[in-house]
Amino acid sequence: MDRLFTERGFLPARDPLTAFPSGSPLCVLDDIGRDLPSLVEDDHFRTYARALALPPCPEDPGGPDNLPWLRLYYVRVGFLASAYINQTSQPAASVLPQNLAVPLCKVCALLGRPPILSYDGYALYNWKRFDPDKPIALGNIDTLQNFVHLYDEHWFILVHVEIEAIAARILAAIARVAAAPDSTRAEELHRALTAIASAVREQGAVLRRLPEKMDPALYHKTFRPYIRFFENVVYEGVPGGPMNFRGETGAQSSVMPALVAFMKIPHRPSVLTNHLADMRRFMPSRHRELVGEIEAMPSIRDIADRNAFNDVLEEMAGFRETHYKWAQEYINRWTDDPRGTGGTPYMSWLKQLIDETRAHKL
């Protein structure tokens, strides 16, 4: 496993680029991004957006040094496209104009992902540290881009960023098990399961902090609509007919899939499992590959300490229960639409994941 994952989890190897260099033609994207929460308040925003002349996406990624540029370009244009389609004061648009569609498709093709703002652009690449010498944690991080002016949206994103940072400890523990010789594998596994349970417990504690600075009514009415799925959207200037893409959702995070793969939790084949498999299309390619590598590891079930193994599963179930609680509080009580931002019946599916996680205990 790459050291990147054991040190940074699924966050970028370096903190995200916060702005394009002064004098770059791409700087206009930073200006648009800064103004976007105000622009979407205007009923004529779409007229303004259709007239924009966006700087083209860099033709050649140029290796890892230019990857932060591509990611920031994707964040800026991805937010702009989702704001255009899902502007809250207007009916959902069915056509993404060419001046937005072509740059979005270009950068997403270079990044190997579908052309819509997903969890990576909304959270993994969308943060900065106030003090680079302090941890990637609440109180020391802020967002680069938002749909609305409310701090509630910042907090929603930043809670996910700290959870992702903690995941480095989970991946480091999995890597130690993968590298352990047979003679010490059971002993290493016990230490790893203890470390993983501790990390997931800490992630759950961070997730429980969501209500501190995020109001349920504001979430539902103000910024949640902007991260919804695209349904039958025509991308002007792009070959093909209307397209459908999953919206931004935590199901596009690679943390739980990696844990499920390591623990070999057998979720019952269903529309749910098909959906979770489809969500991998929206993950960065290297993240998809890593989850596949963990899936290919031999089962740990037969050599695991019962209590340590079950502790991990209980912490995973507890984390999912908190997610279920917030889905009820922040989404389900406010709408009759059973579909989440990813376009799925999330409440019944979340319950299935909880039950099947606990059913896997030794």
Protein backbone atom coordinates (compact mmCIF):
# COMPACT_ATOMS: atom_id res chain seq x y z
CA MET A 1 0.00 0.00 0.00
CA ASP A 2 1.34 3.46 -0.91
CA ARG A 3 2.64 5.50 2.02
CA LEU A 4 0.30 8.25 0.87
CA PHE A 5 -2.71 6.28 2.11
CA THR A 6 -1.15 5.34 5.44
CA GLU A 7 -0.18 8.96 6.13
CA ARG A 8 -3.06 10.93 4.57
CA GLY A 9 -5.90 8.45 4.20
CA PHE A 10 -7.88 9.29 1.08
CA LEU A 11 -6.97 12.98 1.24
CA PRO A 12 -4.52 14.39 -1.35
CA ALA A 13 -0.78 13.86 -0.83
CA ARG A 14 -0.41 17.61 -0.32
CA ASP A 15 -2.98 20.05 1.03
CA PRO A 16 -5.19 21.22 -1.86
CA LEU A 17 -4.22 24.20 -3.97
CA THR A 18 -6.20 27.11 -2.52
CA ALA A 19 -6.02 29.43 -5.56
CA PHE A 20 -4.40 29.59 -8.97
CA PRO A 21 -1.09 31.52 -9.16
CA SER A 22 -1.35 35.28 -9.57
CA GLY A 23 -1.35 36.26 -13.23
CA SER A 24 -2.65 32.91 -14.44
CA PRO A 25 -5.66 33.08 -16.80
CA LEU A 26 -7.24 30.51 -14.51
CA CYS A 27 -7.53 33.10 -11.72
CA VAL A 28 -10.93 34.11 -13.08
CA LEU A 29 -12.22 30.78 -11.77
CA ASP A 30 -11.19 31.78 -8.24
CA ASP A 31 -13.11 35.03 -8.62
CA ILE A 32 -16.21 33.21 -9.85
CA GLY A 33 -15.89 30.68 -7.06
CA ARG A 34 -15.63 33.39 -4.43
CA ASP A 35 -18.72 35.13 -5.78
CA LEU A 36 -20.81 32.01 -6.48
CA PRO A 37 -22.82 32.08 -3.19
CA SER A 38 -23.96 35.61 -4.07
CA LEU A 39 -24.45 34.92 -7.78
CA VAL A 40 -26.88 32.03 -7.19
CA GLU A 41 -29.11 34.36 -5.16
CA ASP A 42 -29.92 36.25 -8.37
CA ASP A 43 -32.76 34.87 -10.47
CA HIS A 44 -30.74 35.80 -13.58
CA PHE A 45 -27.72 33.71 -12.56
CA ARG A 46 -28.15 31.29 -15.44
CA THR A 47 -28.09 34.12 -17.96
CA TYR A 48 -24.84 35.32 -16.40
CA ALA A 49 -23.36 31.80 -16.40
CA ARG A 50 -24.19 31.16 -20.05
CA ALA A 51 -22.20 34.26 -21.02
CA LEU A 52 -19.04 33.23 -19.15
CA ALA A 53 -15.89 32.57 -21.16
CA LEU A 54 -14.10 30.07 -18.95
CA PRO A 55 -10.38 29.51 -19.42
CA PRO A 56 -9.75 26.10 -20.98
CA CYS A 57 -8.65 23.20 -18.84
CA PRO A 58 -4.89 22.52 -19.10
CA GLU A 59 -4.41 20.07 -21.98
CA ASP A 60 -1.67 18.01 -20.34
CA PRO A 61 -1.89 17.06 -16.67
CA GLY A 62 1.92 17.06 -16.67
CA GLY A 63 2.29 14.53 -13.86
CA PRO A 64 1.70 14.86 -10.12
CA ASP A 65 2.90 18.47 -9.93
CA ASN A 66 -0.05 19.63 -12.01
CA LEU A 67 -2.62 17.39 -10.34
CA PRO A 68 -3.52 20.07 -7.73
CA TRP A 69 -4.27 22.47 -10.62
CA LEU A 70 -6.61 19.97 -12.25
CA ARG A 71 -8.36 19.26 -8.98
CA LEU A 72 -8.94 22.95 -8.26
CA TYR A 73 -10.19 23.48 -11.83
CA TYR A 74 -12.61 20.58 -11.29
CA VAL A 75 -13.81 22.03 -7.97
CA ARG A 76 -14.46 25.48 -9.46
CA VAL A 77 -16.20 24.27 -12.64
CA GLY A 78 -18.00 21.41 -10.88
CA PHE A 79 -19.55 23.79 -8.35
CA LEU A 80 -20.52 26.16 -11.14
CA ALA A 81 -22.22 23.39 -13.15
CA SER A 82 -24.17 22.04 -10.18
CA ALA A 83 -25.21 25.57 -9.24
CA TYR A 84 -26.48 26.09 -12.79
CA ILE A 85 -28.52 22.86 -12.95
CA ASN A 86 -29.88 22.98 -9.39
CA GLN A 87 -30.31 26.71 -8.68
CA THR A 88 -32.75 26.69 -5.78
CA SER A 89 -34.89 29.65 -6.89
CA GLN A 90 -35.56 28.08 -10.29
CA PRO A 91 -36.83 24.76 -11.66
CA ALA A 92 -34.01 22.29 -12.29
CA ALA A 93 -32.36 22.90 -15.66
CA SER A 94 -32.21 20.11 -18.24
CA VAL A 95 -29.38 21.55 -20.35
CA LEU A 96 -25.84 22.39 -19.22
CA PRO A 97 -24.59 25.05 -21.66
CA GLN A 98 -21.57 24.33 -23.78
CA ASN A 99 -19.32 26.88 -22.08
CA LEU A 100 -19.73 24.93 -18.81
CA ALA A 101 -20.26 21.40 -20.15
CA VAL A 102 -17.15 21.15 -22.32
CA PRO A 103 -14.63 22.33 -19.65
CA LEU A 104 -16.28 20.12 -17.03
CA CYS A 105 -16.15 17.04 -19.27
CA LYS A 106 -12.53 17.80 -20.20
CA VAL A 107 -11.20 18.04 -16.68
CA CYS A 108 -13.26 15.07 -15.48
CA ALA A 109 -11.91 12.95 -18.33
CA LEU A 110 -8.35 13.86 -17.28
CA LEU A 111 -9.19 12.90 -13.70
CA GLY A 112 -10.87 9.67 -14.81
CA ARG A 113 -14.28 10.38 -13.36
CA PRO A 114 -17.87 11.22 -14.48
CA PRO A 115 -18.57 14.90 -15.32
CA ILE A 116 -20.40 16.03 -12.19
CA LEU A 117 -19.29 17.44 -8.83
CA SER A 118 -18.86 14.46 -6.49
CA TYR A 119 -17.58 13.78 -3.00
CA ASP A 120 -13.96 14.23 -4.04
CA GLY A 121 -14.54 17.76 -5.36
CA TYR A 122 -16.97 18.71 -2.60
CA ALA A 123 -14.85 17.44 0.30
CA LEU A 124 -11.51 15.73 -0.46
CA TYR A 125 -10.10 18.62 -2.52
CA ASN A 126 -12.10 21.43 -0.92
CA TRP A 127 -10.27 22.46 2.25
CA LYS A 128 -7.29 24.33 3.62
CA ARG A 129 -5.49 24.52 6.95
CA PHE A 130 -5.21 27.76 8.87
CA ASP A 131 -1.96 26.52 10.42
CA PRO A 132 -0.14 24.01 8.19
CA ASP A 133 1.77 22.68 11.19
CA LYS A 134 -1.40 21.66 13.02
CA PRO A 135 -3.66 18.66 12.29
CA ILE A 136 -6.30 18.39 9.58
CA ALA A 137 -9.09 18.77 12.11
CA LEU A 138 -12.08 20.95 12.95
CA GLY A 139 -10.90 24.32 14.21
CA ASN A 140 -7.87 24.31 11.91
CA ILE A 141 -9.58 23.85 8.54
CA ASP A 142 -11.95 25.74 6.26
CA THR A 143 -13.46 25.22 2.82
CA LEU A 144 -12.22 26.70 -0.47
CA GLN A 145 -15.59 26.77 -2.24
CA ASN A 146 -19.25 26.82 -1.21
CA PHE A 147 -22.69 27.14 -2.73
CA VAL A 148 -24.09 29.42 0.00
CA HIS A 149 -22.78 31.97 2.46
CA LEU A 150 -23.95 30.05 5.53
CA TYR A 151 -21.23 28.54 7.73
CA ASP A 152 -23.49 25.48 8.03
CA GLU A 153 -22.23 24.33 4.63
CA HIS A 154 -18.60 24.86 5.63
CA TRP A 155 -19.20 22.74 8.74
CA PHE A 156 -20.94 19.97 6.80
CA ILE A 157 -17.95 19.63 4.49
CA LEU A 158 -15.30 20.01 7.18
CA VAL A 159 -16.78 17.27 9.38
CA HIS A 160 -16.22 14.92 6.44
CA VAL A 161 -12.66 16.18 5.94
CA GLU A 162 -11.65 15.38 9.51
CA ILE A 163 -13.25 11.93 9.22
CA GLU A 164 -11.17 11.34 6.08
CA ALA A 165 -8.00 12.46 7.88
CA ILE A 166 -8.61 9.97 10.69
CA ALA A 167 -8.93 7.20 8.08
CA ALA A 168 -5.15 7.27 7.59
CA ARG A 169 -4.86 5.27 10.82
CA ILE A 170 -7.29 2.67 9.46
CA LEU A 171 -5.34 2.25 6.23
CA ALA A 172 -2.03 2.13 8.10
CA ALA A 173 -3.37 -0.71 10.25
CA ILE A 174 -4.62 -2.62 7.19
CA ALA A 175 -1.22 -2.13 5.53
CA ARG A 176 0.55 -3.63 8.55
CA VAL A 177 -1.64 -6.73 8.37
CA ALA A 178 -1.01 -7.08 4.63
CA ALA A 179 2.76 -6.89 5.18
CA ALA A 180 2.93 -9.20 8.22
CA PRO A 181 4.51 -12.65 7.75
CA ASP A 182 2.35 -15.66 8.56
CA SER A 183 4.26 -16.26 11.80
CA THR A 184 3.18 -12.95 13.33
CA ARG A 185 0.03 -12.22 11.34
CA ALA A 186 -2.45 -13.08 14.11
CA GLU A 187 -0.60 -10.88 16.60
CA GLU A 188 -0.37 -8.00 14.12
CA LEU A 189 -4.02 -8.43 13.26
CA HIS A 190 -5.03 -8.04 16.90
CA ARG A 191 -3.11 -4.76 17.16
CA ALA A 192 -4.57 -3.59 13.85
CA LEU A 193 -8.17 -4.35 14.81
CA THR A 194 -7.69 -2.47 18.09
CA ALA A 195 -6.31 0.53 16.19
CA ILE A 196 -9.11 0.41 13.61
CA ALA A 197 -11.83 0.26 16.26
CA SER A 198 -10.28 3.26 17.99
CA ALA A 199 -10.12 5.25 14.73
CA VAL A 200 -13.73 4.45 13.74
CA ARG A 201 -14.84 5.40 17.25
CA GLU A 202 -13.12 8.76 16.81
CA GLN A 203 -14.73 9.20 13.38
CA GLY A 204 -18.12 8.57 14.96
CA ALA A 205 -17.42 11.21 17.60
CA VAL A 206 -16.62 13.73 14.84
CA LEU A 207 -19.79 12.81 12.94
CA ARG A 208 -21.85 13.36 16.09
CA ARG A 209 -20.62 16.96 16.15
CA LEU A 210 -22.59 17.79 13.00
CA PRO A 211 -25.44 19.62 14.82
CA GLU A 212 -23.00 21.98 16.56
CA LYS A 213 -22.93 24.34 13.58
CA MET A 214 -25.44 22.94 11.08
CA ASP A 215 -29.16 23.61 11.27
CA PRO A 216 -31.40 20.86 9.77
CA ALA A 217 -33.85 23.29 8.15
CA LEU A 218 -31.06 25.35 6.59
CA TYR A 219 -29.32 22.25 5.24
CA HIS A 220 -32.45 20.99 3.55
CA LYS A 221 -33.53 24.32 2.06
CA THR A 222 -30.28 26.04 1.17
CA PHE A 223 -27.31 23.94 0.08
CA ARG A 224 -28.46 20.31 -0.07
CA PRO A 225 -30.38 20.95 -3.34
CA TYR A 226 -27.13 21.95 -5.06
CA ILE A 227 -25.50 18.54 -4.57
CA ARG A 228 -28.40 16.55 -6.01
CA PHE A 229 -28.08 14.13 -8.90
CA PHE A 230 -28.36 15.17 -12.56
CA GLU A 231 -31.37 13.57 -14.25
CA ASN A 232 -31.67 13.57 -18.06
CA VAL A 233 -29.30 16.52 -18.45
CA VAL A 234 -28.04 17.39 -21.93
CA TYR A 235 -24.38 18.43 -22.00
CA GLU A 236 -24.22 20.89 -24.90
CA GLY A 237 -21.25 20.40 -27.20
CA VAL A 238 -20.62 16.90 -25.82
CA PRO A 239 -21.51 13.81 -27.88
CA GLY A 240 -24.39 11.70 -26.65
CA GLY A 241 -27.90 12.26 -25.42
CA PRO A 242 -29.23 13.25 -21.99
CA MET A 243 -27.08 12.00 -19.12
CA ASN A 244 -27.81 10.82 -15.58
CA PHE A 245 -25.23 11.02 -12.80
CA ARG A 246 -25.29 10.40 -9.06
CA GLY A 247 -25.12 13.51 -6.93
CA GLU A 248 -22.55 14.18 -4.24
CA THR A 249 -22.95 11.81 -1.29
CA GLY A 250 -20.86 10.33 1.49
CA ALA A 251 -21.41 6.94 -0.16
CA GLN A 252 -18.71 8.08 -2.61
CA SER A 253 -16.15 8.14 0.20
CA SER A 254 -13.72 5.21 0.07
CA VAL A 255 -13.43 4.81 3.86
CA MET A 256 -16.37 2.48 4.53
CA PRO A 257 -15.84 0.45 1.33
CA ALA A 258 -12.23 -0.15 2.43
CA LEU A 259 -13.40 -1.31 5.86
CA VAL A 260 -16.12 -3.51 4.41
CA ALA A 261 -13.52 -5.04 2.09
CA PHE A 262 -11.07 -5.68 4.94
CA MET A 263 -13.68 -7.16 7.28
CA LYS A 264 -15.26 -9.13 4.39
CA ILE A 265 -18.78 -8.08 5.39
CA PRO A 266 -21.17 -9.97 3.08
CA HIS A 267 -23.86 -7.44 2.21
CA ARG A 268 -26.81 -9.21 0.58
CA PRO A 269 -26.85 -8.73 -3.23
CA SER A 270 -29.57 -6.23 -4.03
CA VAL A 271 -30.22 -2.94 -5.74
CA LEU A 272 -28.34 -1.45 -2.76
CA THR A 273 -25.15 -3.37 -3.41
CA ASN A 274 -25.39 -2.54 -7.11
CA HIS A 275 -25.72 1.12 -6.13
CA LEU A 276 -22.69 0.96 -3.84
CA ALA A 277 -20.67 -0.66 -6.61
CA ASP A 278 -21.77 2.08 -9.00
CA MET A 279 -20.64 4.71 -6.51
CA ARG A 280 -17.05 3.60 -7.07
CA ARG A 281 -17.19 5.24 -10.51
CA PHE A 282 -17.27 8.57 -8.68
CA MET A 283 -14.20 7.84 -6.55
CA PRO A 284 -10.68 8.81 -7.66
CA SER A 285 -9.22 5.93 -9.70
CA ARG A 286 -6.43 5.17 -7.23
CA HIS A 287 -8.99 4.91 -4.44
CA ARG A 288 -11.00 2.40 -6.45
CA GLU A 289 -7.83 0.39 -7.04
CA LEU A 290 -6.94 0.38 -3.35
CA VAL A 291 -10.38 -0.87 -2.32
CA GLY A 292 -9.94 -3.65 -4.90
CA GLU A 293 -6.53 -4.54 -3.44
CA ILE A 294 -8.03 -4.78 0.04
CA GLU A 295 -10.87 -6.95 -1.29
CA ALA A 296 -8.23 -9.31 -2.69
CA MET A 297 -6.61 -9.78 0.74
CA PRO A 298 -7.34 -13.11 2.44
CA SER A 299 -10.10 -13.20 5.02
CA ILE A 300 -9.05 -12.38 8.57
CA ARG A 301 -12.13 -13.94 10.14
CA ASP A 302 -10.61 -17.34 11.00
CA ILE A 303 -7.55 -15.93 12.79
CA ALA A 304 -9.07 -12.82 14.38
CA ASP A 305 -9.56 -12.38 18.10
CA ARG A 306 -13.31 -12.49 18.64
CA ASN A 307 -13.59 -9.40 20.82
CA ALA A 308 -11.28 -7.28 18.66
CA PHE A 309 -13.07 -8.33 15.46
CA ASN A 310 -16.49 -7.63 16.93
CA ASP A 311 -15.37 -4.28 18.34
CA VAL A 312 -14.58 -3.06 14.83
CA LEU A 313 -17.96 -4.19 13.53
CA GLU A 314 -19.78 -2.55 16.43
CA GLU A 315 -17.96 0.75 15.85
CA MET A 316 -18.81 0.55 12.14
CA ALA A 317 -22.47 -0.12 12.97
CA GLY A 318 -22.45 2.74 15.46
CA PHE A 319 -21.02 5.11 12.86
CA ARG A 320 -23.72 4.03 10.40
CA GLU A 321 -26.38 4.52 13.08
CA THR A 322 -25.24 8.11 13.58
CA HIS A 323 -25.42 8.58 9.81
CA TYR A 324 -28.93 7.08 9.85
CA LYS A 325 -29.96 9.45 12.66
CA TRP A 326 -28.70 12.51 10.79
CA ALA A 327 -30.37 11.32 7.57
CA GLN A 328 -33.65 11.23 9.49
CA GLU A 329 -33.08 14.58 11.19
CA TYR A 330 -31.64 16.54 8.28
CA ILE A 331 -33.40 15.01 5.27
CA ASN A 332 -36.24 12.57 5.83
CA ARG A 333 -38.32 14.75 8.17
CA TRP A 334 -38.25 17.62 5.66
CA THR A 335 -39.23 15.89 2.43
CA ASP A 336 -41.54 13.29 0.92
CA ASP A 337 -38.89 12.38 -1.68
CA PRO A 338 -37.32 9.06 -0.60
CA ARG A 339 -34.25 9.67 -2.75
CA GLY A 340 -31.02 11.05 -1.38
CA THR A 341 -28.62 13.28 -3.28
CA GLY A 342 -27.25 10.14 -4.92
CA GLY A 343 -30.75 9.27 -6.14
CA THR A 344 -31.41 6.32 -3.81
CA PRO A 345 -33.95 5.28 -1.10
CA TYR A 346 -31.36 6.00 1.56
CA MET A 347 -33.30 5.31 4.79
CA SER A 348 -34.13 1.65 4.12
CA TRP A 349 -30.69 1.05 2.66
CA LEU A 350 -28.83 2.55 5.59
CA LYS A 351 -30.79 0.29 7.94
CA GLN A 352 -29.81 -2.77 5.88
CA LEU A 353 -26.12 -1.84 6.13
CA ILE A 354 -26.36 -1.51 9.91
CA ASP A 355 -28.09 -4.86 10.36
CA GLU A 356 -25.74 -6.75 8.05
CA THR A 357 -22.67 -5.26 9.73
CA ARG A 358 -23.77 -6.55 13.14
CA ALA A 359 -24.81 -9.90 11.67
CA HIS A 360 -21.18 -10.50 10.62
CA LYS A 361 -19.94 -10.64 14.23
CA LEU A 362 -18.15 -13.73 15.46
